[in-house]
Amino acid sequence: MPIVVDIDVMLARRKMSVGELADRVGITPANLAVLKNGRAKAVRFATLAALCEALDCQPGDLLRWENGTAADE
Protein backbone atom coordinates (compact mmCIF):
# COMPACT_ATOMS: atom_id res chain seq x y z
CA MET A 1 0.00 0.00 0.00
CA PRO A 2 1.44 3.40 -0.89
CA ILE A 3 0.42 4.97 2.46
CA VAL A 4 2.83 4.00 5.24
CA VAL A 5 1.85 4.37 8.90
CA ASP A 6 4.69 5.40 11.22
CA ILE A 7 2.90 5.19 14.58
CA ASP A 8 5.56 2.80 15.87
CA VAL A 9 8.26 5.41 15.18
CA MET A 10 6.39 8.04 17.20
CA LEU A 11 5.70 5.54 19.99
CA ALA A 12 9.42 4.86 20.27
CA ARG A 13 10.28 8.58 20.24
CA ARG A 14 7.74 9.25 22.99
CA LYS A 15 8.70 6.09 24.93
CA MET A 16 5.03 5.11 25.02
CA SER A 17 3.44 1.67 24.81
CA VAL A 18 0.65 0.68 22.44
CA GLY A 19 -1.63 0.12 25.43
CA GLU A 20 -0.95 3.56 26.85
CA LEU A 21 -1.58 5.23 23.49
CA ALA A 22 -4.79 3.25 23.00
CA ASP A 23 -6.01 4.41 26.43
CA ARG A 24 -5.18 8.04 25.67
CA VAL A 25 -6.86 7.93 22.27
CA GLY A 26 -9.88 5.91 23.39
CA ILE A 27 -9.56 2.95 21.03
CA THR A 28 -8.79 -0.69 21.70
CA PRO A 29 -5.20 -1.91 21.50
CA ALA A 30 -6.35 -4.34 18.79
CA ASN A 31 -7.72 -1.51 16.62
CA LEU A 32 -4.57 0.52 17.21
CA ALA A 33 -2.50 -2.51 16.13
CA VAL A 34 -4.52 -2.77 12.88
CA LEU A 35 -3.76 0.89 12.17
CA LYS A 36 -0.13 0.66 13.31
CA ASN A 37 0.58 -2.38 11.14
CA GLY A 38 -0.86 -0.76 8.01
CA ARG A 39 -3.83 -3.12 7.73
CA ALA A 40 -6.48 -0.39 8.17
CA LYS A 41 -8.47 0.65 5.11
CA ALA A 42 -9.45 4.02 6.61
CA VAL A 43 -8.90 6.24 9.62
CA ARG A 44 -11.32 8.81 10.98
CA PHE A 45 -10.05 12.37 11.23
CA ALA A 46 -11.15 12.36 14.87
CA THR A 47 -8.92 9.34 15.54
CA LEU A 48 -6.03 10.91 13.65
CA ALA A 49 -6.47 14.13 15.65
CA ALA A 50 -6.53 12.18 18.92
CA LEU A 51 -3.36 10.31 17.92
CA CYS A 52 -1.63 13.60 17.08
CA GLU A 53 -2.71 15.12 20.39
CA ALA A 54 -1.57 12.10 22.42
CA LEU A 55 1.77 11.89 20.60
CA ASP A 56 2.25 15.67 20.28
CA CYS A 57 2.86 15.45 16.54
CA GLN A 58 1.45 16.35 13.14
CA PRO A 59 -0.49 13.97 10.83
CA GLY A 60 2.52 13.90 8.51
CA ASP A 61 4.57 12.41 11.34
CA LEU A 62 2.21 9.41 11.39
CA LEU A 63 1.33 8.97 7.71
CA ARG A 64 3.47 9.20 4.60
CA TRP A 65 3.04 8.36 0.96
CA GLU A 66 5.50 5.96 -0.61
CA ASN A 67 5.61 5.52 -4.36
CA GLY A 68 4.48 2.05 -5.33
CA THR A 69 2.16 0.08 -7.55
CA ALA A 70 -1.18 -1.60 -6.91
CA ALA A 71 0.69 -4.92 -6.97
CA ASP A 72 2.27 -3.93 -3.64
CA GLU A 73 -1.13 -4.23 -1.92
C-alpha atoms as a PDB file:
ATOM      1  CA  MET A   1       0.000   0.000   0.000  1.00  0.00           C
ATOM      2  CA  PRO A   2       1.439   3.397  -0.886  1.00  0.00           C
ATOM      3  CA  ILE A   3       0.423   4.971   2.457  1.00  0.00           C
ATOM      4  CA  VAL A   4       2.832   3.995   5.237  1.00  0.00           C
ATOM      5  CA  VAL A   5       1.846   4.369   8.896  1.00  0.00           C
ATOM      6  CA  ASP A   6       4.686   5.395  11.219  1.00  0.00           C
ATOM      7  CA  ILE A   7       2.897   5.190  14.578  1.00  0.00           C
ATOM      8  CA  ASP A   8       5.564   2.801  15.873  1.00  0.00           C
ATOM      9  CA  VAL A   9       8.260   5.415  15.182  1.00  0.00           C
ATOM     10  CA  MET A  10       6.391   8.039  17.201  1.00  0.00           C
ATOM     11  CA  LEU A  11       5.703   5.545  19.995  1.00  0.00           C
ATOM     12  CA  ALA A  12       9.425   4.861  20.266  1.00  0.00           C
ATOM     13  CA  ARG A  13      10.281   8.576  20.240  1.00  0.00           C
ATOM     14  CA  ARG A  14       7.737   9.248  22.994  1.00  0.00           C
ATOM     15  CA  LYS A  15       8.700   6.087  24.927  1.00  0.00           C
ATOM     16  CA  MET A  16       5.034   5.106  25.022  1.00  0.00           C
ATOM     17  CA  SER A  17       3.437   1.671  24.806  1.00  0.00           C
ATOM     18  CA  VAL A  18       0.650   0.677  22.441  1.00  0.00           C
ATOM     19  CA  GLY A  19      -1.626   0.119  25.429  1.00  0.00           C
ATOM     20  CA  GLU A  20      -0.951   3.564  26.854  1.00  0.00           C
ATOM     21  CA  LEU A  21      -1.579   5.226  23.489  1.00  0.00           C
ATOM     22  CA  ALA A  22      -4.795   3.247  22.997  1.00  0.00           C
ATOM     23  CA  ASP A  23      -6.011   4.408  26.425  1.00  0.00           C
ATOM     24  CA  ARG A  24      -5.179   8.043  25.674  1.00  0.00           C
ATOM     25  CA  VAL A  25      -6.864   7.931  22.267  1.00  0.00           C
ATOM     26  CA  GLY A  26      -9.881   5.913  23.391  1.00  0.00           C
ATOM     27  CA  ILE A  27      -9.564   2.954  21.034  1.00  0.00           C
ATOM     28  CA  THR A  28      -8.793  -0.691  21.699  1.00  0.00           C
ATOM     29  CA  PRO A  29      -5.197  -1.911  21.500  1.00  0.00           C
ATOM     30  CA  ALA A  30      -6.351  -4.343  18.786  1.00  0.00           C
ATOM     31  CA  ASN A  31      -7.721  -1.514  16.619  1.00  0.00           C
ATOM     32  CA  LEU A  32      -4.572   0.517  17.205  1.00  0.00           C
ATOM     33  CA  ALA A  33      -2.496  -2.505  16.129  1.00  0.00           C
ATOM     34  CA  VAL A  34      -4.520  -2.770  12.882  1.00  0.00           C
ATOM     35  CA  LEU A  35      -3.758   0.885  12.167  1.00  0.00           C
ATOM     36  CA  LYS A  36      -0.134   0.660  13.312  1.00  0.00           C
ATOM     37  CA  ASN A  37       0.582  -2.377  11.142  1.00  0.00           C
ATOM     38  CA  GLY A  38      -0.858  -0.762   8.010  1.00  0.00           C
ATOM     39  CA  ARG A  39      -3.834  -3.119   7.730  1.00  0.00           C
ATOM     40  CA  ALA A  40      -6.483  -0.387   8.171  1.00  0.00           C
ATOM     41  CA  LYS A  41      -8.472   0.650   5.106  1.00  0.00           C
ATOM     42  CA  ALA A  42      -9.454   4.015   6.607  1.00  0.00           C
ATOM     43  CA  VAL A  43      -8.900   6.242   9.620  1.00  0.00           C
ATOM     44  CA  ARG A  44     -11.323   8.813  10.978  1.00  0.00           C
ATOM     45  CA  PHE A  45     -10.046  12.368  11.230  1.00  0.00           C
ATOM     46  CA  ALA A  46     -11.155  12.363  14.871  1.00  0.00           C
ATOM     47  CA  THR A  47      -8.922   9.342  15.543  1.00  0.00           C
ATOM     48  CA  LEU A  48      -6.031  10.914  13.648  1.00  0.00           C
ATOM     49  CA  ALA A  49      -6.467  14.129  15.645  1.00  0.00           C
ATOM     50  CA  ALA A  50      -6.533  12.177  18.918  1.00  0.00           C
ATOM     51  CA  LEU A  51      -3.364  10.311  17.922  1.00  0.00           C
ATOM     52  CA  CYS A  52      -1.633  13.596  17.084  1.00  0.00           C
ATOM     53  CA  GLU A  53      -2.711  15.119  20.394  1.00  0.00           C
ATOM     54  CA  ALA A  54      -1.565  12.099  22.418  1.00  0.00           C
ATOM     55  CA  LEU A  55       1.768  11.888  20.596  1.00  0.00           C
ATOM     56  CA  ASP A  56       2.251  15.671  20.284  1.00  0.00           C
ATOM     57  CA  CYS A  57       2.860  15.445  16.545  1.00  0.00           C
ATOM     58  CA  GLN A  58       1.447  16.353  13.142  1.00  0.00           C
ATOM     59  CA  PRO A  59      -0.487  13.971  10.830  1.00  0.00           C
ATOM     60  CA  GLY A  60       2.524  13.896   8.509  1.00  0.00           C
ATOM     61  CA  ASP A  61       4.575  12.415  11.344  1.00  0.00           C
ATOM     62  CA  LEU A  62       2.208   9.413  11.385  1.00  0.00           C
ATOM     63  CA  LEU A  63       1.332   8.970   7.709  1.00  0.00           C
ATOM     64  CA  ARG A  64       3.466   9.197   4.601  1.00  0.00           C
ATOM     65  CA  TRP A  65       3.037   8.364   0.960  1.00  0.00           C
ATOM     66  CA  GLU A  66       5.500   5.957  -0.615  1.00  0.00           C
ATOM     67  CA  ASN A  67       5.607   5.520  -4.358  1.00  0.00           C
ATOM     68  CA  GLY A  68       4.481   2.049  -5.326  1.00  0.00           C
ATOM     69  CA  THR A  69       2.163   0.079  -7.546  1.00  0.00           C
ATOM     70  CA  ALA A  70      -1.182  -1.595  -6.911  1.00  0.00           C
ATOM     71  CA  ALA A  71       0.691  -4.923  -6.971  1.00  0.00           C
ATOM     72  CA  ASP A  72       2.271  -3.925  -3.638  1.00  0.00           C
ATOM     73  CA  GLU A  73      -1.129  -4.232  -1.920  1.00  0.00           C
END
